[in-house]
Amino acid sequence: MPVYPLDLEAPALTGRYPQMAKRDADIWERFLSSHGGEFESVAYNVALGGVIPQDEGITEEDRLGWRYVTAKKIDAIAIRPGECWIIEVKPNASLSAIGQVLGYVLLAEQDRFTPLPFFPVIVTDNVDRDVRYVAEQLNISILVFPEAIPSPAIREATAEEKDAAYAQLVATAQGVTVEGAGFEGLTPPAPPGAKPGT
C-alpha cells in the first residue's frame, strides 16, 4: 500500500495539485480540460516506497512520516474503467521522465493499491523524437499539450493615432518629417524624375 491511503477525487480543475509546480499544473489542467471526463477519479502526490525506520523507540506516526519524506511520489494517478494510469507531468519531457514513470509503475506493483492494471503515461507540453521513440519501445504513452499561442492584441486605432498617421503620410509625400509620429529619421523617397541628391 502507499504510505498514506489514496485521497481520490473527481478529475476537476481545482487549481490545487499537491507538489506540482506552476508550469506542471498548467500542463495538467490542459490535460484535464481535454480528457478529464474520461476518468472516474484522480489522486495526487501518491507516495510509494520510502525508508521504514527500525528504531524501537519511534512512534508509528513518526515512522510513517519518515517513510513519506523518503518515498517516491507519483504526480497523479487516474482511474478509468479497467485501467489505472500512473502519470508523470513533465514540461519538455526527457529521458528522466521515462525513468520516473517506469520506476513508479514498479513501485506501484510492489505497494499495490488497486487490482487494475497500471499504464505508464507522461503528460507534457513538448517532447522530442528520440524521447518519443524510447517511450514507444517501452510501452509508455506520451500525451502532449502545448501551451496555447496567444492571439496578438488587435485594437482599433484612436482618432488621434489615425490623424497622426495621415499627417505623417502627407508630410512624407512632401518630404517633411513630422515630429512625434514615430517616423523620425526616415528619408522620404525622391519624387519621380528627380536626380539623385537633389
C-alpha atoms as a PDB file:
ATOM      1  CA  MET A   1       0.000   0.000   0.000  1.00  0.00           C
ATOM      2  CA  PRO A   2       1.062   3.612  -0.438  1.00  0.00           C
ATOM      3  CA  VAL A   3       2.444   5.398   2.597  1.00  0.00           C
ATOM      4  CA  TYR A   4      -0.945   7.054   3.166  1.00  0.00           C
ATOM      5  CA  PRO A   5      -4.321   5.933   1.771  1.00  0.00           C
ATOM      6  CA  LEU A   6      -5.233   7.385  -1.607  1.00  0.00           C
ATOM      7  CA  ASP A   7      -7.169  10.629  -1.496  1.00  0.00           C
ATOM      8  CA  LEU A   8      -9.298  10.040  -4.593  1.00  0.00           C
ATOM      9  CA  GLU A   9     -11.259  12.954  -6.022  1.00  0.00           C
ATOM     10  CA  ALA A  10     -13.137  13.890  -9.164  1.00  0.00           C
ATOM     11  CA  PRO A  11     -10.909  14.869 -12.102  1.00  0.00           C
ATOM     12  CA  ALA A  12     -11.764  18.565 -11.915  1.00  0.00           C
ATOM     13  CA  LEU A  13      -9.910  21.849 -12.434  1.00  0.00           C
ATOM     14  CA  THR A  14      -9.339  22.771  -8.798  1.00  0.00           C
ATOM     15  CA  GLY A  15      -6.081  24.710  -9.052  1.00  0.00           C
ATOM     16  CA  ARG A  16      -4.762  22.560  -6.201  1.00  0.00           C
ATOM     17  CA  TYR A  17      -2.491  19.728  -7.254  1.00  0.00           C
ATOM     18  CA  PRO A  18      -0.098  18.893  -4.405  1.00  0.00           C
ATOM     19  CA  GLN A  19       3.608  19.066  -5.233  1.00  0.00           C
ATOM     20  CA  MET A  20       3.050  20.240  -8.831  1.00  0.00           C
ATOM     21  CA  ALA A  21       4.993  23.330  -9.827  1.00  0.00           C
ATOM     22  CA  LYS A  22       3.020  26.047 -11.641  1.00  0.00           C
ATOM     23  CA  ARG A  23       4.196  25.012 -15.094  1.00  0.00           C
ATOM     24  CA  ASP A  24       3.361  21.362 -14.349  1.00  0.00           C
ATOM     25  CA  ALA A  25      -0.078  22.390 -13.086  1.00  0.00           C
ATOM     26  CA  ASP A  26      -0.723  24.400 -16.264  1.00  0.00           C
ATOM     27  CA  ILE A  27       0.040  21.333 -18.392  1.00  0.00           C
ATOM     28  CA  TRP A  28      -2.067  19.142 -16.097  1.00  0.00           C
ATOM     29  CA  GLU A  29      -5.037  21.492 -16.418  1.00  0.00           C
ATOM     30  CA  ARG A  30      -4.794  21.344 -20.206  1.00  0.00           C
ATOM     31  CA  PHE A  31      -4.874  17.544 -19.894  1.00  0.00           C
ATOM     32  CA  LEU A  32      -7.893  17.665 -17.551  1.00  0.00           C
ATOM     33  CA  SER A  33      -9.712  20.092 -19.832  1.00  0.00           C
ATOM     34  CA  SER A  34      -9.224  17.713 -22.731  1.00  0.00           C
ATOM     35  CA  HIS A  35      -9.534  14.275 -21.072  1.00  0.00           C
ATOM     36  CA  GLY A  36     -10.803  14.712 -17.516  1.00  0.00           C
ATOM     37  CA  GLY A  37     -14.258  13.417 -18.423  1.00  0.00           C
ATOM     38  CA  GLU A  38     -12.770  10.031 -19.370  1.00  0.00           C
ATOM     39  CA  PHE A  39     -11.751   9.285 -15.776  1.00  0.00           C
ATOM     40  CA  GLU A  40     -13.691   8.318 -12.668  1.00  0.00           C
ATOM     41  CA  SER A  41     -11.199   9.718 -10.164  1.00  0.00           C
ATOM     42  CA  VAL A  42      -7.670  11.007  -9.647  1.00  0.00           C
ATOM     43  CA  ALA A  43      -5.224  11.177  -6.749  1.00  0.00           C
ATOM     44  CA  TYR A  44      -2.162  13.377  -6.417  1.00  0.00           C
ATOM     45  CA  ASN A  45       1.257  13.060  -4.824  1.00  0.00           C
ATOM     46  CA  VAL A  46       0.866   9.321  -4.234  1.00  0.00           C
ATOM     47  CA  ALA A  47       3.804   8.269  -2.032  1.00  0.00           C
ATOM     48  CA  LEU A  48       5.287   4.819  -2.633  1.00  0.00           C
ATOM     49  CA  GLY A  49       8.286   3.035  -1.155  1.00  0.00           C
ATOM     50  CA  GLY A  50      10.381   5.017   1.291  1.00  0.00           C
ATOM     51  CA  VAL A  51      12.643   4.086   4.170  1.00  0.00           C
ATOM     52  CA  ILE A  52      10.992   2.440   7.161  1.00  0.00           C
ATOM     53  CA  PRO A  53      12.943   3.247  10.342  1.00  0.00           C
ATOM     54  CA  GLN A  54      13.687   0.265  12.563  1.00  0.00           C
ATOM     55  CA  ASP A  55      14.315   2.218  15.779  1.00  0.00           C
ATOM     56  CA  GLU A  56      12.388   0.648  18.651  1.00  0.00           C
ATOM     57  CA  GLY A  57      11.524   3.931  20.364  1.00  0.00           C
ATOM     58  CA  ILE A  58       9.931   5.575  17.329  1.00  0.00           C
ATOM     59  CA  THR A  59       6.171   6.161  17.202  1.00  0.00           C
ATOM     60  CA  GLU A  60       4.034   4.831  14.354  1.00  0.00           C
ATOM     61  CA  GLU A  61       3.264   8.418  13.336  1.00  0.00           C
ATOM     62  CA  ASP A  62       6.980   9.246  13.111  1.00  0.00           C
ATOM     63  CA  ARG A  63       7.644   6.003  11.246  1.00  0.00           C
ATOM     64  CA  LEU A  64       5.015   6.936   8.637  1.00  0.00           C
ATOM     65  CA  GLY A  65       6.323  10.497   8.477  1.00  0.00           C
ATOM     66  CA  TRP A  66       9.869   9.281   7.841  1.00  0.00           C
ATOM     67  CA  ARG A  67       8.652   6.868   5.182  1.00  0.00           C
ATOM     68  CA  TYR A  68       6.660   9.661   3.492  1.00  0.00           C
ATOM     69  CA  VAL A  69       9.625  12.046   3.409  1.00  0.00           C
ATOM     70  CA  THR A  70      11.820   9.405   1.745  1.00  0.00           C
ATOM     71  CA  ALA A  71       9.108   7.969  -0.550  1.00  0.00           C
ATOM     72  CA  LYS A  72       8.900   8.406  -4.320  1.00  0.00           C
ATOM     73  CA  LYS A  73       5.859  10.488  -5.201  1.00  0.00           C
ATOM     74  CA  ILE A  74       3.702   9.992  -8.297  1.00  0.00           C
ATOM     75  CA  ASP A  75       2.384  13.274  -9.683  1.00  0.00           C
ATOM     76  CA  ALA A  76      -1.037  11.763 -10.366  1.00  0.00           C
ATOM     77  CA  ILE A  77      -2.892   8.521 -10.768  1.00  0.00           C
ATOM     78  CA  ALA A  78      -6.058   8.480 -12.834  1.00  0.00           C
ATOM     79  CA  ILE A  79      -8.655   5.719 -12.664  1.00  0.00           C
ATOM     80  CA  ARG A  80     -10.928   4.835 -15.545  1.00  0.00           C
ATOM     81  CA  PRO A  81     -12.862   1.631 -16.286  1.00  0.00           C
ATOM     82  CA  GLY A  82     -10.369  -1.229 -16.302  1.00  0.00           C
ATOM     83  CA  GLU A  83      -7.242   0.956 -16.041  1.00  0.00           C
ATOM     84  CA  CYS A  84      -5.090   2.867 -13.594  1.00  0.00           C
ATOM     85  CA  TRP A  85      -2.836   5.439 -15.232  1.00  0.00           C
ATOM     86  CA  ILE A  86       0.420   6.260 -13.445  1.00  0.00           C
ATOM     87  CA  ILE A  87       1.137   9.810 -14.618  1.00  0.00           C
ATOM     88  CA  GLU A  88       4.306  11.876 -14.607  1.00  0.00           C
ATOM     89  CA  VAL A  89       3.662  15.520 -15.540  1.00  0.00           C
ATOM     90  CA  LYS A  90       6.815  16.996 -17.007  1.00  0.00           C
ATOM     91  CA  PRO A  91       7.486  20.133 -19.077  1.00  0.00           C
ATOM     92  CA  ASN A  92       9.799  19.350 -22.007  1.00  0.00           C
ATOM     93  CA  ALA A  93       9.708  15.610 -21.327  1.00  0.00           C
ATOM     94  CA  SER A  94      13.131  13.995 -21.393  1.00  0.00           C
ATOM     95  CA  LEU A  95      14.532  10.535 -20.694  1.00  0.00           C
ATOM     96  CA  SER A  96      14.350  11.302 -16.975  1.00  0.00           C
ATOM     97  CA  ALA A  97      10.534  11.359 -17.209  1.00  0.00           C
ATOM     98  CA  ILE A  98      10.658   7.859 -18.719  1.00  0.00           C
ATOM     99  CA  GLY A  99      12.801   6.621 -15.836  1.00  0.00           C
ATOM    100  CA  GLN A 100      10.486   8.209 -13.291  1.00  0.00           C
ATOM    101  CA  VAL A 101       7.250   6.795 -14.675  1.00  0.00           C
ATOM    102  CA  LEU A 102       8.770   3.312 -15.087  1.00  0.00           C
ATOM    103  CA  GLY A 103      10.042   3.440 -11.506  1.00  0.00           C
ATOM    104  CA  TYR A 104       6.606   4.497 -10.263  1.00  0.00           C
ATOM    105  CA  VAL A 105       4.928   1.568 -12.038  1.00  0.00           C
ATOM    106  CA  LEU A 106       7.374  -0.906 -10.450  1.00  0.00           C
ATOM    107  CA  LEU A 107       6.832   0.606  -7.007  1.00  0.00           C
ATOM    108  CA  ALA A 108       3.057   0.571  -7.533  1.00  0.00           C
ATOM    109  CA  GLU A 109       3.295  -3.150  -8.321  1.00  0.00           C
ATOM    110  CA  GLN A 110       5.130  -3.593  -5.016  1.00  0.00           C
ATOM    111  CA  ASP A 111       2.832  -1.284  -2.985  1.00  0.00           C
ATOM    112  CA  ARG A 112      -0.328  -2.255  -4.883  1.00  0.00           C
ATOM    113  CA  PHE A 113      -3.341  -0.050  -4.176  1.00  0.00           C
ATOM    114  CA  THR A 114      -5.715  -1.324  -6.884  1.00  0.00           C
ATOM    115  CA  PRO A 115      -6.310  -4.595  -8.725  1.00  0.00           C
ATOM    116  CA  LEU A 116      -6.459  -2.641 -12.003  1.00  0.00           C
ATOM    117  CA  PRO A 117      -3.552  -2.894 -14.464  1.00  0.00           C
ATOM    118  CA  PHE A 118      -1.114   0.017 -14.444  1.00  0.00           C
ATOM    119  CA  PHE A 119      -0.356   2.092 -17.534  1.00  0.00           C
ATOM    120  CA  PRO A 120       2.641   4.480 -17.528  1.00  0.00           C
ATOM    121  CA  VAL A 121       1.799   7.877 -19.014  1.00  0.00           C
ATOM    122  CA  ILE A 122       3.808  11.081 -19.418  1.00  0.00           C
ATOM    123  CA  VAL A 123       1.828  14.304 -19.786  1.00  0.00           C
ATOM    124  CA  THR A 124       3.942  17.116 -21.209  1.00  0.00           C
ATOM    125  CA  ASP A 125       3.973  20.279 -23.297  1.00  0.00           C
ATOM    126  CA  ASN A 126       6.835  19.156 -25.547  1.00  0.00           C
ATOM    127  CA  VAL A 127       8.795  16.026 -26.405  1.00  0.00           C
ATOM    128  CA  ASP A 128      11.493  15.333 -28.949  1.00  0.00           C
ATOM    129  CA  ARG A 129      11.651  12.478 -31.447  1.00  0.00           C
ATOM    130  CA  ASP A 130      14.256  10.463 -29.520  1.00  0.00           C
ATOM    131  CA  VAL A 131      12.334  10.519 -26.247  1.00  0.00           C
ATOM    132  CA  ARG A 132       9.126   9.574 -28.073  1.00  0.00           C
ATOM    133  CA  TYR A 133      10.920   6.646 -29.722  1.00  0.00           C
ATOM    134  CA  VAL A 134      12.272   5.325 -26.409  1.00  0.00           C
ATOM    135  CA  ALA A 135       8.831   5.690 -24.798  1.00  0.00           C
ATOM    136  CA  GLU A 136       7.189   3.748 -27.620  1.00  0.00           C
ATOM    137  CA  GLN A 137       9.704   0.913 -27.213  1.00  0.00           C
ATOM    138  CA  LEU A 138       8.824   0.700 -23.506  1.00  0.00           C
ATOM    139  CA  ASN A 139       5.037   0.984 -23.995  1.00  0.00           C
ATOM    140  CA  ILE A 140       4.855   4.362 -22.289  1.00  0.00           C
ATOM    141  CA  SER A 141       2.203   6.740 -23.575  1.00  0.00           C
ATOM    142  CA  ILE A 142       3.177  10.371 -24.068  1.00  0.00           C
ATOM    143  CA  LEU A 143       0.398  12.946 -24.285  1.00  0.00           C
ATOM    144  CA  VAL A 144       1.449  16.404 -25.449  1.00  0.00           C
ATOM    145  CA  PHE A 145      -0.500  19.522 -24.519  1.00  0.00           C
ATOM    146  CA  PRO A 146       1.412  22.567 -25.792  1.00  0.00           C
ATOM    147  CA  GLU A 147       0.749  26.000 -24.408  1.00  0.00           C
ATOM    148  CA  ALA A 148      -1.815  27.887 -26.448  1.00  0.00           C
ATOM    149  CA  ILE A 149      -0.279  30.644 -28.538  1.00  0.00           C
ATOM    150  CA  PRO A 150      -1.931  33.885 -27.502  1.00  0.00           C
ATOM    151  CA  SER A 151      -3.533  35.920 -30.259  1.00  0.00           C
ATOM    152  CA  PRO A 152      -1.910  39.294 -30.862  1.00  0.00           C
ATOM    153  CA  ALA A 153      -3.846  42.161 -29.365  1.00  0.00           C
ATOM    154  CA  ILE A 154      -5.925  43.732 -32.098  1.00  0.00           C
ATOM    155  CA  ARG A 155      -7.492  47.083 -31.445  1.00  0.00           C
ATOM    156  CA  GLU A 156      -8.942  49.931 -33.417  1.00  0.00           C
ATOM    157  CA  ALA A 157      -6.626  52.930 -33.746  1.00  0.00           C
ATOM    158  CA  THR A 158      -7.799  56.035 -31.921  1.00  0.00           C
ATOM    159  CA  ALA A 159      -8.822  59.138 -33.890  1.00  0.00           C
ATOM    160  CA  GLU A 160      -5.597  60.848 -32.746  1.00  0.00           C
ATOM    161  CA  GLU A 161      -3.473  57.920 -33.980  1.00  0.00           C
ATOM    162  CA  LYS A 162      -5.271  57.941 -37.339  1.00  0.00           C
ATOM    163  CA  ASP A 163      -4.778  61.735 -37.665  1.00  0.00           C
ATOM    164  CA  ALA A 164      -1.079  61.426 -36.783  1.00  0.00           C
ATOM    165  CA  ALA A 165      -0.587  58.590 -39.291  1.00  0.00           C
ATOM    166  CA  TYR A 166      -2.349  60.591 -42.024  1.00  0.00           C
ATOM    167  CA  ALA A 167      -0.277  63.685 -41.226  1.00  0.00           C
ATOM    168  CA  GLN A 168       2.898  61.633 -41.445  1.00  0.00           C
ATOM    169  CA  LEU A 169       1.806  60.117 -44.752  1.00  0.00           C
ATOM    170  CA  VAL A 170       1.136  63.575 -46.232  1.00  0.00           C
ATOM    171  CA  ALA A 171       4.354  65.011 -44.785  1.00  0.00           C
ATOM    172  CA  THR A 172       6.402  62.066 -46.111  1.00  0.00           C
ATOM    173  CA  ALA A 173       4.976  62.610 -49.577  1.00  0.00           C
ATOM    174  CA  GLN A 174       6.035  66.285 -49.292  1.00  0.00           C
ATOM    175  CA  GLY A 175       9.492  65.406 -47.919  1.00  0.00           C
ATOM    176  CA  VAL A 176       8.829  66.711 -44.391  1.00  0.00           C
ATOM    177  CA  THR A 177       9.285  64.811 -41.131  1.00  0.00           C
ATOM    178  CA  VAL A 178       6.515  65.191 -38.560  1.00  0.00           C
ATOM    179  CA  GLU A 179       7.870  65.086 -35.006  1.00  0.00           C
ATOM    180  CA  GLY A 180       6.289  62.621 -32.601  1.00  0.00           C
ATOM    181  CA  ALA A 181       4.581  60.477 -35.231  1.00  0.00           C
ATOM    182  CA  GLY A 182       7.035  57.623 -34.819  1.00  0.00           C
ATOM    183  CA  PHE A 183       8.647  58.022 -38.230  1.00  0.00           C
ATOM    184  CA  GLU A 184      11.568  60.271 -37.261  1.00  0.00           C
ATOM    185  CA  GLY A 185      14.767  59.607 -39.173  1.00  0.00           C
ATOM    186  CA  LEU A 186      13.120  58.155 -42.267  1.00  0.00           C
ATOM    187  CA  THR A 187      14.018  59.764 -45.557  1.00  0.00           C
ATOM    188  CA  PRO A 188      11.116  60.055 -47.998  1.00  0.00           C
ATOM    189  CA  PRO A 189      11.615  58.682 -51.496  1.00  0.00           C
ATOM    190  CA  ALA A 190      12.694  61.117 -54.215  1.00  0.00           C
ATOM    191  CA  PRO A 191       9.868  62.437 -56.398  1.00  0.00           C
ATOM    192  CA  PRO A 192       9.534  60.758 -59.786  1.00  0.00           C
ATOM    193  CA  GLY A 193      12.027  62.126 -62.345  1.00  0.00           C
ATOM    194  CA  ALA A 194      14.252  63.775 -59.706  1.00  0.00           C
ATOM    195  CA  LYS A 195      18.002  63.316 -59.996  1.00  0.00           C
ATOM    196  CA  PRO A 196      19.792  61.696 -57.018  1.00  0.00           C
ATOM    197  CA  GLY A 197      20.959  64.213 -54.422  1.00  0.00           C
ATOM    198  CA  THR A 198      18.526  66.942 -55.464  1.00  0.00           C
END
